[in-house]
Amino acid sequence: MQRIIEPLEMMGSQITSHAGHAPLRIAGKPQLTAIDYELLTASAQVKSCILLAGLKANGRTVVIENEITRDHTERMLRWFDVALETGKPEREPENACFAAVTGPAKLSARDVPVPGDISSAAFFIAAAALLPESSLEIANVGLNPTRVAFLDQLQRMGFAISATNQSERSNEPVGNLQVGGRRPERQDGGGQLRIDGRVIPQLIDELPLLAVVGSQVEGGLEIRDAKELRVKESDRIAATLAGLRAMECEVEEFPDGLRVAGPTQLRGAQINPHGDHRIAMSFAIAGLMAKGETEIADAECVAVSFPEFFELLNSVIR
């Protein structure tokens, strides 16, 4: 939690922790101090933390990021009539950007329709795309431009996915997603696919699932610039590698990512998700592609984000 503690303490908060880890003890303060803060690691969560604190700070709080991250908080603050600024700072790198709020800020009450989470829908999208002759429609999914990189990558791999009935009724665009299971038809001439660079922050939650999908496409998949995966609920690079190797897929590890061979006939295996909900759900989808039985230990960990995941999965698999 140190990357959240640091900017909040700069704003005047008093926080005690266990060497930068939870549990945290936070002492409230009537007035915080506005700061300019540059994110060393792209993180929408840290950006949001500072902006929300900035609502109660005295002055203009600015968050600068070198890679574009998810903008749900900026959209939500504008929906509540906060005068939020966004733009490009007058410096390199080329894709740097900033968000700023001036406090103390006053918010207006709003009704908030919450669209379906595309990070949760991603597992069902992948399953329908990979299983031949599948047909699946998922309604009312959030289609925020900073969140649809997962769909872009699947389409790049040649899978059939389309969005219909799109609208923007409040602060977030929504629509229906239609997915059909058929043989991928790549338009780039084949070869190994690579995901890296500025798109990584917009894909960070879906990367383990994309590694699973990559094991099923011609040429496989390489993921780089994703060292952030090392410090999620688990070391997701290590956990993904271990699971794919257990299922007899050839994989190579890098400090900031991995390379997956494909297409591979996965074999059923015992999977340890290390208490990580996204690893457990990713390998549940891998298990659908595998020959033989796959057993996921501590599968209850999916309840962190998706308690009904297995029940819903069973309901759509025939």
Foldseek 3Di string as FASTA:
>chain_A
DQLQVVVQVVFPWDWDDDVRDDDIDTDDDQETAADEEEDPDDDPVSLLSNQVNQLRYAFKHKYKYQFDADDPSVLVQVLQVFPKDKAADPDDDPRMIMIMGHPVTDGHDDDDDDFAEVLLCVLVQLLQQADAFRKDKDFRHFPRVLQCVSVVVVVQLQFDKDWPPWDPPTSTITTMMIGHHDAGDHPPPAAEEEDDDNSCNSCLLPVLLVQLSQLAGGNGYWYFPALVCCPDLHNSQVLSVVLQVQQVWDKADDNGTITTGDPDAGAAGEGENVLDLSSLSSVVSSQVRHDDHHHYPPNCSVVVPCNCSVVVVVVRDD
